[in-house]
């Protein structure tokens, strides 16, 4: 298990230069935005505008902070709030965002569709997650949890853990907690 602390995440400009993102992790380590297999990041969105285009990439967005945003994805409208399920869509289609009421922070998970697929599940409190994934990441949004697979780690707000091929993952919360279990499968 690799534990990643919020203070150690890498900050960088958006691909389109319209804002800043905080990169939680990327595979392979150190990959650029044009060659990664999968990536987990968080972005502070302060204004309306277009999303960066990532050819050959699938994306899933979740709202971590703020009132949400309205997305126009290739002409289809989607309202995304903290209460919404994670929204999956292709990152290589035209996508525009309009903030609902002020800035938001989103969780952005991406995978290169030719080599990986992914799934994002939100948890509120504790839970057990069976997995046949090649990689599982747990990112805590709020609260504190203990993540257990072959070993255990305590995580606080916005910390994460990366696990390679766990059969099951247990998230135990000692206080109200919310977060995400992100699974990646390598395409043969």
Protein backbone atom coordinates (compact mmCIF):
# COMPACT_ATOMS: atom_id res chain seq x y z
CA UNK A 1 0.00 0.00 0.00
CA UNK A 2 1.30 3.42 -0.93
CA UNK A 3 -0.01 6.24 1.30
CA UNK A 4 -0.16 9.70 -0.25
CA UNK A 5 -0.67 12.78 1.93
CA UNK A 6 -2.49 15.87 0.71
CA UNK A 7 0.52 18.07 1.50
CA UNK A 8 2.66 16.06 -0.95
CA UNK A 9 0.39 16.29 -4.01
CA UNK A 10 1.72 18.14 -7.05
CA UNK A 11 0.08 21.40 -8.17
CA UNK A 12 0.12 22.29 -11.85
CA UNK A 13 -1.79 24.38 -14.41
CA UNK A 14 -4.70 22.88 -16.31
CA UNK A 15 -3.87 21.60 -19.76
CA UNK A 16 -5.88 24.52 -21.27
CA UNK A 17 -4.30 27.04 -18.86
CA UNK A 18 -7.69 28.02 -17.40
CA UNK A 19 -6.95 27.09 -13.79
CA UNK A 20 -4.94 24.91 -11.44
CA UNK A 21 -5.14 21.21 -10.64
CA UNK A 22 -3.71 19.20 -7.79
CA UNK A 23 -2.39 15.88 -9.05
CA UNK A 24 -2.95 13.12 -6.47
CA UNK A 25 -1.22 10.40 -8.51
CA UNK A 26 -0.49 9.38 -12.08
CA UNK A 27 0.52 6.15 -13.77
CA UNK A 28 3.17 5.58 -14.76
CA UNK A 29 4.82 7.82 -12.15
CA UNK A 30 6.07 11.07 -13.67
CA UNK A 31 4.08 10.63 -16.91
CA UNK A 32 3.03 13.73 -18.81
CA UNK A 33 -0.54 14.67 -19.64
CA UNK A 34 -0.24 13.21 -23.14
CA UNK A 35 1.05 9.75 -22.16
CA UNK A 36 -0.46 8.68 -18.81
CA UNK A 37 -2.38 5.41 -18.37
CA UNK A 38 -4.51 6.76 -15.53
CA UNK A 39 -4.60 9.84 -13.31
CA UNK A 40 -6.37 11.11 -10.19
CA UNK A 41 -6.51 14.86 -9.55
CA UNK A 42 -8.54 17.59 -7.86
CA UNK A 43 -9.28 20.95 -9.45
CA UNK A 44 -10.45 24.25 -8.01
CA UNK A 45 -12.89 25.69 -10.55
CA UNK A 46 -13.48 29.42 -10.04
CA UNK A 47 -15.29 30.30 -13.25
CA UNK A 48 -17.34 29.05 -16.17
CA UNK A 49 -15.59 27.71 -19.25
CA UNK A 50 -14.51 24.80 -21.42
CA UNK A 51 -12.82 21.65 -20.15
CA UNK A 52 -9.44 20.58 -21.46
CA UNK A 53 -9.67 17.99 -24.24
CA UNK A 54 -7.82 14.70 -23.64
CA UNK A 55 -7.88 12.48 -26.78
CA UNK A 56 -8.49 8.78 -26.05
CA UNK A 57 -9.28 9.40 -22.37
CA UNK A 58 -12.37 8.57 -20.27
CA UNK A 59 -13.11 10.81 -17.30
CA UNK A 60 -15.23 10.64 -14.14
CA UNK A 61 -16.02 13.78 -12.13
CA UNK A 62 -17.33 14.18 -8.58
CA UNK A 63 -17.91 17.38 -6.60
CA UNK A 64 -15.87 17.65 -3.38
CA UNK A 65 -16.68 21.26 -2.34
CA UNK A 66 -19.17 23.88 -3.45
CA UNK A 67 -22.69 23.93 -4.86
CA UNK A 68 -21.93 22.17 -8.12
CA UNK A 69 -21.79 22.86 -11.80
CA UNK A 70 -23.86 22.34 -14.91
CA UNK A 71 -22.00 20.51 -17.66
CA UNK A 72 -22.76 20.54 -21.35
CA UNK A 73 -21.12 17.36 -22.67
CA UNK A 74 -21.41 17.12 -26.45
CA UNK A 75 -24.78 18.90 -26.27
CA UNK A 76 -26.22 16.92 -23.33
CA UNK A 77 -26.80 18.75 -20.04
CA UNK A 78 -25.76 17.26 -16.67
CA UNK A 79 -26.07 18.88 -13.25
CA UNK A 80 -23.32 17.71 -10.90
CA UNK A 81 -23.48 18.40 -7.14
CA UNK A 82 -21.98 16.89 -3.96
CA UNK A 83 -25.09 14.68 -3.77
CA UNK A 84 -24.75 13.43 -7.37
CA UNK A 85 -23.25 10.09 -8.25
CA UNK A 86 -19.84 10.32 -9.93
CA UNK A 87 -20.36 11.26 -13.61
CA UNK A 88 -18.43 9.30 -16.27
CA UNK A 89 -17.96 10.71 -19.78
CA UNK A 90 -15.40 10.83 -22.61
CA UNK A 91 -12.71 13.48 -22.06
CA UNK A 92 -12.24 13.93 -25.79
CA UNK A 93 -15.63 15.53 -26.50
CA UNK A 94 -16.46 19.22 -26.14
CA UNK A 95 -17.45 19.91 -22.52
CA UNK A 96 -18.38 23.29 -21.04
CA UNK A 97 -19.05 24.05 -17.38
CA UNK A 98 -21.23 26.68 -15.72
CA UNK A 99 -20.89 27.01 -11.94
CA UNK A 100 -24.19 26.83 -10.06
CA UNK A 101 -23.29 29.23 -7.24
CA UNK A 102 -19.63 29.99 -6.69
CA UNK A 103 -16.39 28.06 -6.95
CA UNK A 104 -16.18 24.27 -6.62
CA UNK A 105 -13.49 21.66 -6.10
CA UNK A 106 -13.87 18.50 -8.14
CA UNK A 107 -12.33 15.05 -8.12
CA UNK A 108 -11.20 14.13 -11.62
CA UNK A 109 -10.34 10.51 -12.49
CA UNK A 110 -9.08 9.72 -15.98
CA UNK A 111 -7.91 6.60 -17.79
CA UNK A 112 -6.61 5.95 -21.31
CA UNK A 113 -9.40 3.84 -22.84
CA UNK A 114 -7.01 1.77 -24.98
CA UNK A 115 -5.09 0.54 -21.92
CA UNK A 116 -7.25 0.96 -18.77
CA UNK A 117 -10.85 1.36 -17.65
CA UNK A 118 -11.96 2.77 -14.32
CA UNK A 119 -14.87 3.05 -11.91
CA UNK A 120 -15.44 5.59 -9.11
CA UNK A 121 -17.61 4.72 -6.09
CA UNK A 122 -18.45 7.15 -3.28
CA UNK A 123 -18.63 5.96 0.32
CA UNK A 124 -20.32 7.64 3.27
CA UNK A 125 -19.05 6.15 6.51
CA UNK A 126 -17.48 2.70 6.39
CA UNK A 127 -17.66 -0.14 3.92
CA UNK A 128 -16.20 -3.28 2.43
CA UNK A 129 -15.32 -3.29 -1.24
CA UNK A 130 -14.64 -6.52 -3.15
CA UNK A 131 -12.22 -5.99 -5.98
CA UNK A 132 -10.86 -7.71 -9.04
CA UNK A 133 -9.13 -4.47 -10.12
CA UNK A 134 -5.44 -4.19 -10.92
CA UNK A 135 -5.17 -0.99 -8.86
CA UNK A 136 -7.51 0.45 -6.23
CA UNK A 137 -7.18 3.96 -4.82
CA UNK A 138 -9.02 5.28 -1.77
CA UNK A 139 -9.30 9.06 -1.46
CA UNK A 140 -10.81 10.56 1.69
CA UNK A 141 -12.94 13.65 1.16
CA UNK A 142 -13.94 14.38 4.77
CA UNK A 143 -13.29 12.70 8.11
CA UNK A 144 -10.71 10.10 9.04
CA UNK A 145 -10.65 6.45 8.00
CA UNK A 146 -8.50 3.37 8.26
CA UNK A 147 -8.00 1.53 4.97
CA UNK A 148 -7.18 -2.17 5.23
CA UNK A 149 -6.20 -4.66 2.54
CA UNK A 150 -3.02 -6.70 3.14
CA UNK A 151 -1.94 -3.90 5.51
CA UNK A 152 -3.62 -0.90 7.14
CA UNK A 153 -3.18 2.86 6.93
CA UNK A 154 -4.86 5.81 8.65
CA UNK A 155 -5.99 8.54 6.27
CA UNK A 156 -7.23 12.07 6.96
CA UNK A 157 -9.07 14.55 4.76
CA UNK A 158 -7.86 14.48 1.13
CA UNK A 159 -5.22 11.81 1.88
CA UNK A 160 -5.20 8.71 -0.31
CA UNK A 161 -3.91 5.15 -0.49
CA UNK A 162 -2.97 3.21 -3.63
CA UNK A 163 -3.26 -0.60 -3.51
CA UNK A 164 -2.05 -3.02 -6.18
CA UNK A 165 -4.44 -5.91 -6.97
CA UNK A 166 -6.23 -6.13 -3.60
CA UNK A 167 -8.97 -8.78 -3.38
CA UNK A 168 -10.89 -6.69 -0.90
CA UNK A 169 -10.58 -3.28 0.68
CA UNK A 170 -12.13 -2.30 4.02
CA UNK A 171 -12.73 1.34 4.90
CA UNK A 172 -13.38 1.85 8.64
CA UNK A 173 -14.52 5.27 9.87
CA UNK A 174 -14.12 6.42 13.46
CA UNK A 175 -16.13 9.57 12.75
CA UNK A 176 -18.46 10.69 9.95
CA UNK A 177 -16.43 10.28 6.77
CA UNK A 178 -16.92 10.53 3.04
CA UNK A 179 -14.63 9.51 0.23
CA UNK A 180 -14.10 7.56 -2.96
CA UNK A 181 -12.92 4.10 -3.96
CA UNK A 182 -11.40 4.25 -7.45
CA UNK A 183 -10.74 1.02 -9.35
CA UNK A 184 -8.56 0.63 -12.44
CA UNK A 185 -8.50 -2.45 -14.70
CA UNK A 186 -5.77 -3.03 -17.28
CA UNK A 187 -7.19 -3.90 -20.70
CA UNK A 188 -5.49 -7.03 -22.07
